[in-house]
């Protein structure tokens, strides 16, 4: 029979003050004690480590398994993107990484996640493990790095194992769960919360595959690919930069053939691309950016199984529209001659398929302090049907004390962050900030030390010395201490 999670309450302080956080290799507390209360996350306190990957380097932590055996329930891993994959390390991959004991012999993040999963598999009734991933890399790059991190978590733990509880939820209901939290660089946390752009265009096919393209507002073109789900939301899968230009348009066939046309960023000239959208939203370009003709504000629409129509404005006369029709086959595209047309431009910000699935894209204000945000809505469009075009939100995000320095981005991080972080400091401004944020967020204090015990009580007192007597006593004296 598996051991139940226990809550250390005031009545047990005297008996557990010296064993609240067992040293590596010692047994967990005896099972069977009744759980006399069930705190919310806002009431709970968890043993937590800072730089959990560093072992005895700059602290006394041992390996991850020993920390978890000693009731640590918040781990922190610093991560770096290296050649398309994430690796663990302090200032660089491998920096201050302890490879001894049960820790992985590699720096690869997925190997470290597997250690956590294996322990959790064997201790499914333990309190949830909060996993802080502090990224040192910019996830808002051309490679769609956020997708790599999201996929790492899902591939190791499975979607159903990951959870993001609110501050008012009961800890006991999340036994055996993993709570991932994104920390680190500001631009990475912002990129995970929202994507900005202008002049978005969209296409959808009968399989529910979706492609969105947009201008960054600075002359670069980016794409998102996604898949419509049974509840008529879109799971966005891949993201990246593909060209320079403005006013992009896109069309997508039922076989995944993609045609894109855009305007030059500096003049009235049109360029086109041909690509293919495969399983998992993987976009492959088959024909690179190629000159089409003079023109502005292009638009596209499939008019047959292998036929696509492009209508744009004549740069010499905005009231005149020009149409060209292309034949597409076997990774090739052949454009016919151009002619004036009385037909209006094809709509670029809305697309539909034969299954009556209609998707509309826009760029503008989104609730919770975000502006110029790319968003979509599936018909029927209502005031609450708009969703961000963004990766699956399987990670919580931290707002940090130092984020206040940027008044433009701080509101977004504050209003969307369900977690908060601050480096241990007993100054009045830090204490005031902690008191302000802790009513609505789970607070982590990094580098929590013996002289930090006078701070407001955090959810995660994240220390480099989890086995120290002062830390054990501190936890034992917290009525909401959970392991």
Foldseek 3Di string as FASTA:
>chain_A
DAAAWEFQFPVCLVVCLQQLFPAFPDADPDGDDDHPDWAFLLQFAFEAADCLQQDPVVFHRHHPLRRVRRRHQEYEFEWEADPLFIFTEDPDHPHNGDCDDPRPPGRGPLSRLLVVLVSLVVRQNAFHHEYEYAYPDQCPAFFNNVLNVVCSVCVRQNLVQFDDDFRGHTRSVNRSHYAYEYHHDPNNLVQQVFQFFAQKFKEAEPQQKIKIWGHRVPFWIKMWIWGQDPVRDTAIFTIGTAGGAHLKFWYAYNQFKIKIKGAHNPFQWIWIWIWGQDPRRDIGTLGHTDTDGGFHNKYWYAPDNFKMKIKTADPVDRVWIKIWMWGDDDSDIDIDDIDTDPDDHDDGQWYAYPVRWIKGWHFADDPQQDGNGIWMATPPDDPPRIDGNHHPPSHAYEQEPVNVVDVNCNSNRLRRHQEYEYEQDPDPVVLVVCVVRSVGHQYEYHQQDLVSLVGDRGNYPHHSYSSDSSNSSSLSPRSNHID
